[in-house]
Amino acid sequence: MLKQMSAYDLAECEAFYLLEPFGEYQTNYAAGVVAATIANVYRPKNAKGFTPDDFMPKRGLAYEPPKKQSVEQQALLLRSIASTHKKKKKKKKKKKSKRKKVNA
């Protein structure tokens, strides 16, 4: 396609892209806007707000592969998740027991 385009046509396309971006980046940014909006609805009140860039794919030099976790780090994470889950279950049981007493 570039072989058939004149320099003027190419410059015109580049100018149009600056005004109205298109392609993969723009699509990812639009998805990032939706994801950031949903995440901001459910974030804690005092937490920093999310931006669309927080949900954009990272490529090139900015990309950092995930760091490997040791077995101890994985076990600590699982224990943390399990203890949080247990606390939530206890709160639900307390709420249910209070409701039964009020209704009885």
PDB file of N, CA and C in Angstrom:
ATOM      1  N   MET A   1       0.820  -1.190   0.000  1.00  0.00           N
ATOM      2  CA  MET A   1       0.000   0.000   0.000  1.00  0.00           C
ATOM      3  C   MET A   1       0.870   1.262   0.000  1.00  0.00           C
ATOM      4  N   LEU A   2       1.946   1.251   0.803  1.00  0.00           N
ATOM      5  CA  LEU A   2       2.810   2.431   0.857  1.00  0.00           C
ATOM      6  C   LEU A   2       3.503   2.696  -0.481  1.00  0.00           C
ATOM      7  N   LYS A   3       3.761   1.635  -1.247  1.00  0.00           N
ATOM      8  CA  LYS A   3       4.406   1.817  -2.550  1.00  0.00           C
ATOM      9  C   LYS A   3       3.489   2.571  -3.511  1.00  0.00           C
ATOM     10  N   GLN A   4       2.186   2.421  -3.336  1.00  0.00           N
ATOM     11  CA  GLN A   4       1.228   3.053  -4.231  1.00  0.00           C
ATOM     12  C   GLN A   4       0.813   4.448  -3.768  1.00  0.00           C
ATOM     13  N   MET A   5       1.115   4.806  -2.516  1.00  0.00           N
ATOM     14  CA  MET A   5       0.718   6.109  -1.968  1.00  0.00           C
ATOM     15  C   MET A   5       1.751   7.172  -2.311  1.00  0.00           C
ATOM     16  N   SER A   6       1.248   8.355  -2.536  1.00  0.00           N
ATOM     17  CA  SER A   6       2.162   9.489  -2.723  1.00  0.00           C
ATOM     18  C   SER A   6       2.544  10.021  -1.338  1.00  0.00           C
ATOM     19  N   ALA A   7       3.562  10.848  -1.303  1.00  0.00           N
ATOM     20  CA  ALA A   7       3.990  11.458  -0.040  1.00  0.00           C
ATOM     21  C   ALA A   7       2.867  12.324   0.537  1.00  0.00           C
ATOM     22  N   TYR A   8       2.128  12.976  -0.350  1.00  0.00           N
ATOM     23  CA  TYR A   8       1.015  13.821   0.097  1.00  0.00           C
ATOM     24  C   TYR A   8      -0.068  12.971   0.771  1.00  0.00           C
ATOM     25  N   ASP A   9      -0.412  11.829   0.154  1.00  0.00           N
ATOM     26  CA  ASP A   9      -1.431  10.946   0.733  1.00  0.00           C
ATOM     27  C   ASP A   9      -0.995  10.407   2.094  1.00  0.00           C
ATOM     28  N   LEU A  10       0.274  10.033   2.194  1.00  0.00           N
ATOM     29  CA  LEU A  10       0.794   9.527   3.460  1.00  0.00           C
ATOM     30  C   LEU A  10       0.739  10.608   4.535  1.00  0.00           C
ATOM     31  N   ALA A  11       1.128  11.817   4.192  1.00  0.00           N
ATOM     32  CA  ALA A  11       1.079  12.929   5.146  1.00  0.00           C
ATOM     33  C   ALA A  11      -0.362  13.220   5.567  1.00  0.00           C
ATOM     34  N   GLU A  12      -1.269  13.087   4.632  1.00  0.00           N
ATOM     35  CA  GLU A  12      -2.683  13.304   4.938  1.00  0.00           C
ATOM     36  C   GLU A  12      -3.202  12.238   5.917  1.00  0.00           C
ATOM     37  N   CYS A  13      -2.805  11.000   5.694  1.00  0.00           N
ATOM     38  CA  CYS A  13      -3.202   9.921   6.619  1.00  0.00           C
ATOM     39  C   CYS A  13      -2.627  10.147   8.011  1.00  0.00           C
ATOM     40  N   GLU A  14      -1.370  10.571   8.077  1.00  0.00           N
ATOM     41  CA  GLU A  14      -0.750  10.825   9.377  1.00  0.00           C
ATOM     42  C   GLU A  14      -1.449  11.972  10.107  1.00  0.00           C
ATOM     43  N   ALA A  15      -1.821  12.994   9.357  1.00  0.00           N
ATOM     44  CA  ALA A  15      -2.533  14.122   9.970  1.00  0.00           C
ATOM     45  C   ALA A  15      -3.899  13.687  10.479  1.00  0.00           C
ATOM     46  N   PHE A  16      -4.584  12.853   9.706  1.00  0.00           N
ATOM     47  CA  PHE A  16      -5.892  12.349  10.139  1.00  0.00           C
ATOM     48  C   PHE A  16      -5.755  11.511  11.411  1.00  0.00           C
ATOM     49  N   TYR A  17      -4.697  10.694  11.470  1.00  0.00           N
ATOM     50  CA  TYR A  17      -4.475   9.860  12.656  1.00  0.00           C
ATOM     51  C   TYR A  17      -4.264  10.726  13.893  1.00  0.00           C
ATOM     52  N   LEU A  18      -3.585  11.855  13.740  1.00  0.00           N
ATOM     53  CA  LEU A  18      -3.379  12.747  14.888  1.00  0.00           C
ATOM     54  C   LEU A  18      -4.694  13.339  15.381  1.00  0.00           C
ATOM     55  N   LEU A  19      -5.625  13.573  14.467  1.00  0.00           N
ATOM     56  CA  LEU A  19      -6.932  14.119  14.845  1.00  0.00           C
ATOM     57  C   LEU A  19      -7.878  13.038  15.363  1.00  0.00           C
ATOM     58  N   GLU A  20      -7.900  11.910  14.687  1.00  0.00           N
ATOM     59  CA  GLU A  20      -8.803  10.797  15.013  1.00  0.00           C
ATOM     60  C   GLU A  20      -8.019   9.490  15.057  1.00  0.00           C
ATOM     61  N   PRO A  21      -7.392   9.175  16.175  1.00  0.00           N
ATOM     62  CA  PRO A  21      -6.592   7.942  16.242  1.00  0.00           C
ATOM     63  C   PRO A  21      -7.442   6.701  15.953  1.00  0.00           C
ATOM     64  N   PHE A  22      -6.832   5.737  15.330  1.00  0.00           N
ATOM     65  CA  PHE A  22      -7.517   4.484  15.014  1.00  0.00           C
ATOM     66  C   PHE A  22      -6.526   3.343  15.207  1.00  0.00           C
ATOM     67  N   GLY A  23      -7.031   2.130  15.182  1.00  0.00           N
ATOM     68  CA  GLY A  23      -6.160   0.964  15.279  1.00  0.00           C
ATOM     69  C   GLY A  23      -6.176   0.335  16.660  1.00  0.00           C
ATOM     70  N   GLU A  24      -5.197  -0.548  16.877  1.00  0.00           N
ATOM     71  CA  GLU A  24      -5.138  -1.354  18.103  1.00  0.00           C
ATOM     72  C   GLU A  24      -4.992  -0.503  19.360  1.00  0.00           C
ATOM     73  N   TYR A  25      -4.137   0.526  19.323  1.00  0.00           N
ATOM     74  CA  TYR A  25      -3.939   1.353  20.514  1.00  0.00           C
ATOM     75  C   TYR A  25      -5.248   2.008  20.942  1.00  0.00           C
ATOM     76  N   GLN A  26      -5.957   2.564  19.980  1.00  0.00           N
ATOM     77  CA  GLN A  26      -7.206   3.255  20.304  1.00  0.00           C
ATOM     78  C   GLN A  26      -8.231   2.286  20.877  1.00  0.00           C
ATOM     79  N   THR A  27      -8.293   1.080  20.325  1.00  0.00           N
ATOM     80  CA  THR A  27      -9.221   0.067  20.826  1.00  0.00           C
ATOM     81  C   THR A  27      -8.864  -0.324  22.256  1.00  0.00           C
ATOM     82  N   ASN A  28      -7.579  -0.525  22.520  1.00  0.00           N
ATOM     83  CA  ASN A  28      -7.148  -0.867  23.879  1.00  0.00           C
ATOM     84  C   ASN A  28      -7.434   0.274  24.848  1.00  0.00           C
ATOM     85  N   TYR A  29      -7.267   1.510  24.396  1.00  0.00           N
ATOM     86  CA  TYR A  29      -7.534   2.657  25.264  1.00  0.00           C
ATOM     87  C   TYR A  29      -9.022   2.736  25.613  1.00  0.00           C
ATOM     88  N   ALA A  30      -9.870   2.470  24.617  1.00  0.00           N
ATOM     89  CA  ALA A  30     -11.313   2.491  24.870  1.00  0.00           C
ATOM     90  C   ALA A  30     -11.684   1.422  25.901  1.00  0.00           C
ATOM     91  N   ALA A  31     -11.100   0.243  25.774  1.00  0.00           N
ATOM     92  CA  ALA A  31     -11.350  -0.812  26.767  1.00  0.00           C
ATOM     93  C   ALA A  31     -10.806  -0.399  28.134  1.00  0.00           C
ATOM     94  N   GLY A  32      -9.683   0.312  28.151  1.00  0.00           N
ATOM     95  CA  GLY A  32      -9.111   0.799  29.409  1.00  0.00           C
ATOM     96  C   GLY A  32     -10.008   1.804  30.100  1.00  0.00           C
ATOM     97  N   VAL A  33     -10.702   2.632  29.322  1.00  0.00           N
ATOM     98  CA  VAL A  33     -11.638   3.608  29.889  1.00  0.00           C
ATOM     99  C   VAL A  33     -12.776   2.881  30.598  1.00  0.00           C
ATOM    100  N   VAL A  34     -13.301   1.844  29.960  1.00  0.00           N
ATOM    101  CA  VAL A  34     -14.398   1.074  30.562  1.00  0.00           C
ATOM    102  C   VAL A  34     -13.912   0.380  31.832  1.00  0.00           C
ATOM    103  N   ALA A  35     -12.747  -0.270  31.741  1.00  0.00           N
ATOM    104  CA  ALA A  35     -12.215  -0.988  32.906  1.00  0.00           C
ATOM    105  C   ALA A  35     -11.922  -0.027  34.061  1.00  0.00           C
ATOM    106  N   ALA A  36     -11.358   1.138  33.769  1.00  0.00           N
ATOM    107  CA  ALA A  36     -11.044   2.107  34.829  1.00  0.00           C
ATOM    108  C   ALA A  36     -12.315   2.624  35.483  1.00  0.00           C
ATOM    109  N   THR A  37     -13.348   2.839  34.683  1.00  0.00           N
ATOM    110  CA  THR A  37     -14.614   3.324  35.232  1.00  0.00           C
ATOM    111  C   THR A  37     -15.199   2.313  36.207  1.00  0.00           C
ATOM    112  N   ILE A  38     -15.221   1.051  35.810  1.00  0.00           N
ATOM    113  CA  ILE A  38     -15.770   0.001  36.684  1.00  0.00           C
ATOM    114  C   ILE A  38     -14.913  -0.151  37.932  1.00  0.00           C
ATOM    115  N   ALA A  39     -13.593  -0.142  37.764  1.00  0.00           N
ATOM    116  CA  ALA A  39     -12.699  -0.296  38.921  1.00  0.00           C
ATOM    117  C   ALA A  39     -12.861   0.877  39.884  1.00  0.00           C
ATOM    118  N   ASN A  40     -13.057   2.082  39.370  1.00  0.00           N
ATOM    119  CA  ASN A  40     -13.213   3.255  40.242  1.00  0.00           C
ATOM    120  C   ASN A  40     -14.532   3.232  41.006  1.00  0.00           C
ATOM    121  N   VAL A  41     -15.546   2.603  40.445  1.00  0.00           N
ATOM    122  CA  VAL A  41     -16.823   2.487  41.154  1.00  0.00           C
ATOM    123  C   VAL A  41     -16.655   1.624  42.403  1.00  0.00           C
ATOM    124  N   TYR A  42     -15.824   0.587  42.303  1.00  0.00           N
ATOM    125  CA  TYR A  42     -15.684  -0.372  43.392  1.00  0.00           C
ATOM    126  C   TYR A  42     -14.421  -0.187  44.235  1.00  0.00           C
ATOM    127  N   ARG A  43     -13.652   0.851  44.007  1.00  0.00           N
ATOM    128  CA  ARG A  43     -12.437   1.052  44.800  1.00  0.00           C
ATOM    129  C   ARG A  43     -12.791   1.668  46.152  1.00  0.00           C
ATOM    130  N   PRO A  44     -11.937   1.474  47.154  1.00  0.00           N
ATOM    131  CA  PRO A  44     -12.183   2.112  48.459  1.00  0.00           C
ATOM    132  C   PRO A  44     -12.154   3.638  48.327  1.00  0.00           C
ATOM    133  N   LYS A  45     -12.841   4.304  49.210  1.00  0.00           N
ATOM    134  CA  LYS A  45     -12.979   5.761  49.130  1.00  0.00           C
ATOM    135  C   LYS A  45     -11.646   6.494  49.179  1.00  0.00           C
ATOM    136  N   ASN A  46     -10.729   6.033  49.999  1.00  0.00           N
ATOM    137  CA  ASN A  46      -9.453   6.736  50.170  1.00  0.00           C
ATOM    138  C   ASN A  46      -8.384   6.293  49.186  1.00  0.00           C
ATOM    139  N   ALA A  47      -8.677   5.324  48.332  1.00  0.00           N
ATOM    140  CA  ALA A  47      -7.678   4.798  47.398  1.00  0.00           C
ATOM    141  C   ALA A  47      -7.534   5.718  46.191  1.00  0.00           C
ATOM    142  N   LYS A  48      -6.350   5.672  45.590  1.00  0.00           N
ATOM    143  CA  LYS A  48      -6.075   6.470  44.392  1.00  0.00           C
ATOM    144  C   LYS A  48      -6.920   5.936  43.233  1.00  0.00           C
ATOM    145  N   GLY A  49      -7.434   6.818  42.424  1.00  0.00           N
ATOM    146  CA  GLY A  49      -8.266   6.424  41.292  1.00  0.00           C
ATOM    147  C   GLY A  49      -7.467   5.751  40.182  1.00  0.00           C
ATOM    148  N   PHE A  50      -8.122   4.888  39.427  1.00  0.00           N
ATOM    149  CA  PHE A  50      -7.495   4.211  38.307  1.00  0.00           C
ATOM    150  C   PHE A  50      -7.612   5.065  37.052  1.00  0.00           C
ATOM    151  N   THR A  51      -6.681   4.896  36.137  1.00  0.00           N
ATOM    152  CA  THR A  51      -6.722   5.569  34.835  1.00  0.00           C
ATOM    153  C   THR A  51      -6.757   4.499  33.747  1.00  0.00           C
ATOM    154  N   PRO A  52      -7.153   4.853  32.539  1.00  0.00           N
ATOM    155  CA  PRO A  52      -7.151   3.868  31.452  1.00  0.00           C
ATOM    156  C   PRO A  52      -5.771   3.252  31.223  1.00  0.00           C
ATOM    157  N   ASP A  53      -4.708   4.019  31.467  1.00  0.00           N
ATOM    158  CA  ASP A  53      -3.353   3.488  31.271  1.00  0.00           C
ATOM    159  C   ASP A  53      -3.041   2.335  32.212  1.00  0.00           C
ATOM    160  N   ASP A  54      -3.702   2.282  33.365  1.00  0.00           N
ATOM    161  CA  ASP A  54      -3.491   1.180  34.298  1.00  0.00           C
ATOM    162  C   ASP A  54      -3.944  -0.149  33.709  1.00  0.00           C
ATOM    163  N   PHE A  55      -4.798  -0.111  32.692  1.00  0.00           N
ATOM    164  CA  PHE A  55      -5.354  -1.325  32.110  1.00  0.00           C
ATOM    165  C   PHE A  55      -4.873  -1.559  30.674  1.00  0.00           C
ATOM    166  N   MET A  56      -3.919  -0.765  30.234  1.00  0.00           N
ATOM    167  CA  MET A  56      -3.385  -0.915  28.880  1.00  0.00           C
ATOM    168  C   MET A  56      -2.301  -1.991  28.868  1.00  0.00           C
ATOM    169  N   PRO A  57      -2.205  -2.748  27.775  1.00  0.00           N
ATOM    170  CA  PRO A  57      -1.127  -3.737  27.684  1.00  0.00           C
ATOM    171  C   PRO A  57       0.228  -3.036  27.686  1.00  0.00           C
ATOM    172  N   LYS A  58       1.173  -3.600  28.390  1.00  0.00           N
ATOM    173  CA  LYS A  58       2.516  -3.031  28.462  1.00  0.00           C
ATOM    174  C   LYS A  58       3.404  -3.777  27.467  1.00  0.00           C
ATOM    175  N   ARG A  59       4.047  -3.019  26.592  1.00  0.00           N
ATOM    176  CA  ARG A  59       4.913  -3.631  25.576  1.00  0.00           C
ATOM    177  C   ARG A  59       6.215  -2.851  25.498  1.00  0.00           C
ATOM    178  N   GLY A  60       7.202  -3.479  24.903  1.00  0.00           N
ATOM    179  CA  GLY A  60       8.475  -2.798  24.678  1.00  0.00           C
ATOM    180  C   GLY A  60       9.289  -2.693  25.957  1.00  0.00           C
ATOM    181  N   LEU A  61       9.996  -1.591  26.121  1.00  0.00           N
ATOM    182  CA  LEU A  61      10.896  -1.427  27.261  1.00  0.00           C
ATOM    183  C   LEU A  61      10.158  -1.285  28.577  1.00  0.00           C
ATOM    184  N   ALA A  62       8.913  -0.803  28.544  1.00  0.00           N
ATOM    185  CA  ALA A  62       8.160  -0.599  29.783  1.00  0.00           C
ATOM    186  C   ALA A  62       7.657  -1.921  30.364  1.00  0.00           C
ATOM    187  N   TYR A  63       7.658  -2.985  29.565  1.00  0.00           N
ATOM    188  CA  TYR A  63       7.110  -4.262  30.027  1.00  0.00           C
ATOM    189  C   TYR A  63       8.094  -4.953  30.959  1.00  0.00           C
ATOM    190  N   GLU A  64       7.596  -5.373  32.097  1.00  0.00           N
ATOM    191  CA  GLU A  64       8.398  -6.142  33.037  1.00  0.00           C
ATOM    192  C   GLU A  64       7.725  -7.492  33.230  1.00  0.00           C
ATOM    193  N   PRO A  65       8.424  -8.577  32.948  1.00  0.00           N
ATOM    194  CA  PRO A  65       7.797  -9.886  33.163  1.00  0.00           C
ATOM    195  C   PRO A  65       7.517 -10.092  34.648  1.00  0.00           C
ATOM    196  N   PRO A  66       6.499 -10.868  34.976  1.00  0.00           N
ATOM    197  CA  PRO A  66       6.181 -11.097  36.389  1.00  0.00           C
ATOM    198  C   PRO A  66       7.363 -11.728  37.118  1.00  0.00           C
ATOM    199  N   LYS A  67       7.561 -11.292  38.349  1.00  0.00           N
ATOM    200  CA  LYS A  67       8.657 -11.840  39.145  1.00  0.00           C
ATOM    201  C   LYS A  67       8.247 -13.193  39.695  1.00  0.00           C
ATOM    202  N   LYS A  68       9.189 -14.110  39.728  1.00  0.00           N
ATOM    203  CA  LYS A  68       8.901 -15.449  40.252  1.00  0.00           C
ATOM    204  C   LYS A  68       8.812 -15.384  41.769  1.00  0.00           C
ATOM    205  N   GLN A  69       7.832 -16.111  42.298  1.00  0.00           N
ATOM    206  CA  GLN A  69       7.645 -16.160  43.738  1.00  0.00           C
ATOM    207  C   GLN A  69       8.255 -17.443  44.285  1.00  0.00           C
ATOM    208  N   SER A  70       8.791 -17.336  45.478  1.00  0.00           N
ATOM    209  CA  SER A  70       9.284 -18.534  46.141  1.00  0.00           C
ATOM    210  C   SER A  70       8.090 -19.303  46.702  1.00  0.00           C
ATOM    211  N   VAL A  71       8.325 -20.525  47.102  1.00  0.00           N
ATOM    212  CA  VAL A  71       7.269 -21.346  47.691  1.00  0.00           C
ATOM    213  C   VAL A  71       6.747 -20.685  48.968  1.00  0.00           C
ATOM    214  N   GLU A  72       7.643 -20.079  49.737  1.00  0.00           N
ATOM    215  CA  GLU A  72       7.242 -19.414  50.977  1.00  0.00           C
ATOM    216  C   GLU A  72       6.331 -18.216  50.688  1.00  0.00           C
ATOM    217  N   GLN A  73       6.653 -17.457  49.650  1.00  0.00           N
ATOM    218  CA  GLN A  73       5.820 -16.302  49.292  1.00  0.00           C
ATOM    219  C   GLN A  73       4.427 -16.753  48.837  1.00  0.00           C
ATOM    220  N   GLN A  74       4.382 -17.845  48.074  1.00  0.00           N
ATOM    221  CA  GLN A  74       3.094 -18.360  47.620  1.00  0.00           C
ATOM    222  C   GLN A  74       2.257 -18.850  48.797  1.00  0.00           C
ATOM    223  N   ALA A  75       2.904 -19.550  49.745  1.00  0.00           N
ATOM    224  CA  ALA A  75       2.192 -20.048  50.919  1.00  0.00           C
ATOM    225  C   ALA A  75       1.652 -18.889  51.759  1.00  0.00           C
ATOM    226  N   LEU A  76       2.445 -17.838  51.918  1.00  0.00           N
ATOM    227  CA  LEU A  76       2.011 -16.668  52.671  1.00  0.00           C
ATOM    228  C   LEU A  76       0.794 -16.012  52.012  1.00  0.00           C
ATOM    229  N   LEU A  77       0.820 -15.910  50.701  1.00  0.00           N
ATOM    230  CA  LEU A  77      -0.297 -15.323  49.970  1.00  0.00           C
ATOM    231  C   LEU A  77      -1.559 -16.170  50.147  1.00  0.00           C
ATOM    232  N   LEU A  78      -1.439 -17.468  50.037  1.00  0.00           N
ATOM    233  CA  LEU A  78      -2.602 -18.348  50.207  1.00  0.00           C
ATOM    234  C   LEU A  78      -3.156 -18.277  51.624  1.00  0.00           C
ATOM    235  N   ARG A  79      -2.278 -18.209  52.627  1.00  0.00           N
ATOM    236  CA  ARG A  79      -2.748 -18.072  54.009  1.00  0.00           C
ATOM    237  C   ARG A  79      -3.505 -16.763  54.199  1.00  0.00           C
ATOM    238  N   SER A  80      -3.007 -15.708  53.584  1.00  0.00           N
ATOM    239  CA  SER A  80      -3.657 -14.404  53.677  1.00  0.00           C
ATOM    240  C   SER A  80      -5.054 -14.444  53.052  1.00  0.00           C
ATOM    241  N   ILE A  81      -5.168 -15.065  51.894  1.00  0.00           N
ATOM    242  CA  ILE A  81      -6.470 -15.188  51.232  1.00  0.00           C
ATOM    243  C   ILE A  81      -7.419 -16.022  52.085  1.00  0.00           C
ATOM    244  N   ALA A  82      -6.924 -17.124  52.631  1.00  0.00           N
ATOM    245  CA  ALA A  82      -7.762 -18.003  53.453  1.00  0.00           C
ATOM    246  C   ALA A  82      -8.248 -17.293  54.711  1.00  0.00           C
ATOM    247  N   SER A  83      -7.377 -16.528  55.364  1.00  0.00           N
ATOM    248  CA  SER A  83      -7.796 -15.845  56.595  1.00  0.00           C
ATOM    249  C   SER A  83      -8.826 -14.761  56.288  1.00  0.00           C
ATOM    250  N   THR A  84      -8.682 -14.076  55.164  1.00  0.00           N
ATOM    251  CA  THR A  84      -9.668 -13.071  54.765  1.00  0.00           C
ATOM    252  C   THR A  84     -11.012 -13.733  54.501  1.00  0.00           C
ATOM    253  N   HIS A  85     -10.983 -14.874  53.840  1.00  0.00           N
ATOM    254  CA  HIS A  85     -12.215 -15.611  53.542  1.00  0.00           C
ATOM    255  C   HIS A  85     -12.916 -16.054  54.830  1.00  0.00           C
ATOM    256  N   LYS A  86     -12.134 -16.522  55.813  1.00  0.00           N
ATOM    257  CA  LYS A  86     -12.714 -16.948  57.087  1.00  0.00           C
ATOM    258  C   LYS A  86     -13.370 -15.772  57.817  1.00  0.00           C
ATOM    259  N   LYS A  87     -12.718 -14.607  57.785  1.00  0.00           N
ATOM    260  CA  LYS A  87     -13.279 -13.426  58.446  1.00  0.00           C
ATOM    261  C   LYS A  87     -14.608 -13.034  57.819  1.00  0.00           C
ATOM    262  N   LYS A  88     -14.695 -13.110  56.497  1.00  0.00           N
ATOM    263  CA  LYS A  88     -15.943 -12.756  55.810  1.00  0.00           C
ATOM    264  C   LYS A  88     -17.047 -13.743  56.176  1.00  0.00           C
ATOM    265  N   LYS A  89     -16.703 -15.025  56.290  1.00  0.00           N
ATOM    266  CA  LYS A  89     -17.697 -16.031  56.669  1.00  0.00           C
ATOM    267  C   LYS A  89     -18.229 -15.771  58.071  1.00  0.00           C
ATOM    268  N   LYS A  90     -17.341 -15.414  59.001  1.00  0.00           N
ATOM    269  CA  LYS A  90     -17.753 -15.131  60.370  1.00  0.00           C
ATOM    270  C   LYS A  90     -18.702 -13.943  60.423  1.00  0.00           C
ATOM    271  N   LYS A  91     -18.414 -12.906  59.635  1.00  0.00           N
ATOM    272  CA  LYS A  91     -19.288 -11.724  59.606  1.00  0.00           C
ATOM    273  C   LYS A  91     -20.670 -12.094  59.081  1.00  0.00           C
ATOM    274  N   LYS A  92     -20.720 -12.943  58.061  1.00  0.00           N
ATOM    275  CA  LYS A  92     -22.006 -13.351  57.501  1.00  0.00           C
ATOM    276  C   LYS A  92     -22.806 -14.143  58.525  1.00  0.00           C
ATOM    277  N   LYS A  93     -22.135 -15.026  59.268  1.00  0.00           N
ATOM    278  CA  LYS A  93     -22.821 -15.825  60.284  1.00  0.00           C
ATOM    279  C   LYS A  93     -23.393 -14.921  61.375  1.00  0.00           C
ATOM    280  N   LYS A  94     -22.632 -13.908  61.792  1.00  0.00           N
ATOM    281  CA  LYS A  94     -23.110 -12.987  62.814  1.00  0.00           C
ATOM    282  C   LYS A  94     -24.339 -12.228  62.340  1.00  0.00           C
ATOM    283  N   LYS A  95     -24.328 -11.788  61.091  1.00  0.00           N
ATOM    284  CA  LYS A  95     -25.474 -11.060  60.538  1.00  0.00           C
ATOM    285  C   LYS A  95     -26.696 -11.956  60.484  1.00  0.00           C
ATOM    286  N   LYS A  96     -26.523 -13.212  60.082  1.00  0.00           N
ATOM    287  CA  LYS A  96     -27.644 -14.147  59.999  1.00  0.00           C
ATOM    288  C   LYS A  96     -28.223 -14.418  61.383  1.00  0.00           C
ATOM    289  N   SER A  97     -27.351 -14.605  62.378  1.00  0.00           N
ATOM    290  CA  SER A  97     -27.840 -14.886  63.726  1.00  0.00           C
ATOM    291  C   SER A  97     -28.599 -13.685  64.298  1.00  0.00           C
ATOM    292  N   LYS A  98     -28.173 -12.474  64.020  1.00  0.00           N
ATOM    293  CA  LYS A  98     -28.871 -11.277  64.485  1.00  0.00           C
ATOM    294  C   LYS A  98     -30.248 -11.171  63.834  1.00  0.00           C
ATOM    295  N   ARG A  99     -30.331 -11.506  62.569  1.00  0.00           N
ATOM    296  CA  ARG A  99     -31.617 -11.457  61.868  1.00  0.00           C
ATOM    297  C   ARG A  99     -32.600 -12.444  62.448  1.00  0.00           C
ATOM    298  N   LYS A 100     -32.147 -13.643  62.807  1.00  0.00           N
ATOM    299  CA  LYS A 100     -33.028 -14.660  63.363  1.00  0.00           C
ATOM    300  C   LYS A 100     -33.587 -14.210  64.692  1.00  0.00           C
ATOM    301  N   LYS A 101     -32.775 -13.571  65.517  1.00  0.00           N
ATOM    302  CA  LYS A 101     -33.221 -13.119  66.816  1.00  0.00           C
ATOM    303  C   LYS A 101     -34.280 -12.030  66.690  1.00  0.00           C
ATOM    304  N   VAL A 102     -34.122 -11.156  65.725  1.00  0.00           N
ATOM    305  CA  VAL A 102     -35.065 -10.051  65.537  1.00  0.00           C
ATOM    306  C   VAL A 102     -36.396 -10.593  65.039  1.00  0.00           C
ATOM    307  N   ASN A 103     -36.364 -11.547  64.133  1.00  0.00           N
ATOM    308  CA  ASN A 103     -37.588 -12.107  63.548  1.00  0.00           C
ATOM    309  C   ASN A 103     -38.326 -13.036  64.507  1.00  0.00           C
ATOM    310  N   ALA A 104     -37.644 -13.642  65.444  1.00  0.00           N
ATOM    311  CA  ALA A 104     -38.272 -14.657  66.306  1.00  0.00           C
ATOM    312  C   ALA A 104     -39.148 -14.081  67.348  1.00  0.00           C
TER     313      ALA A 104
END
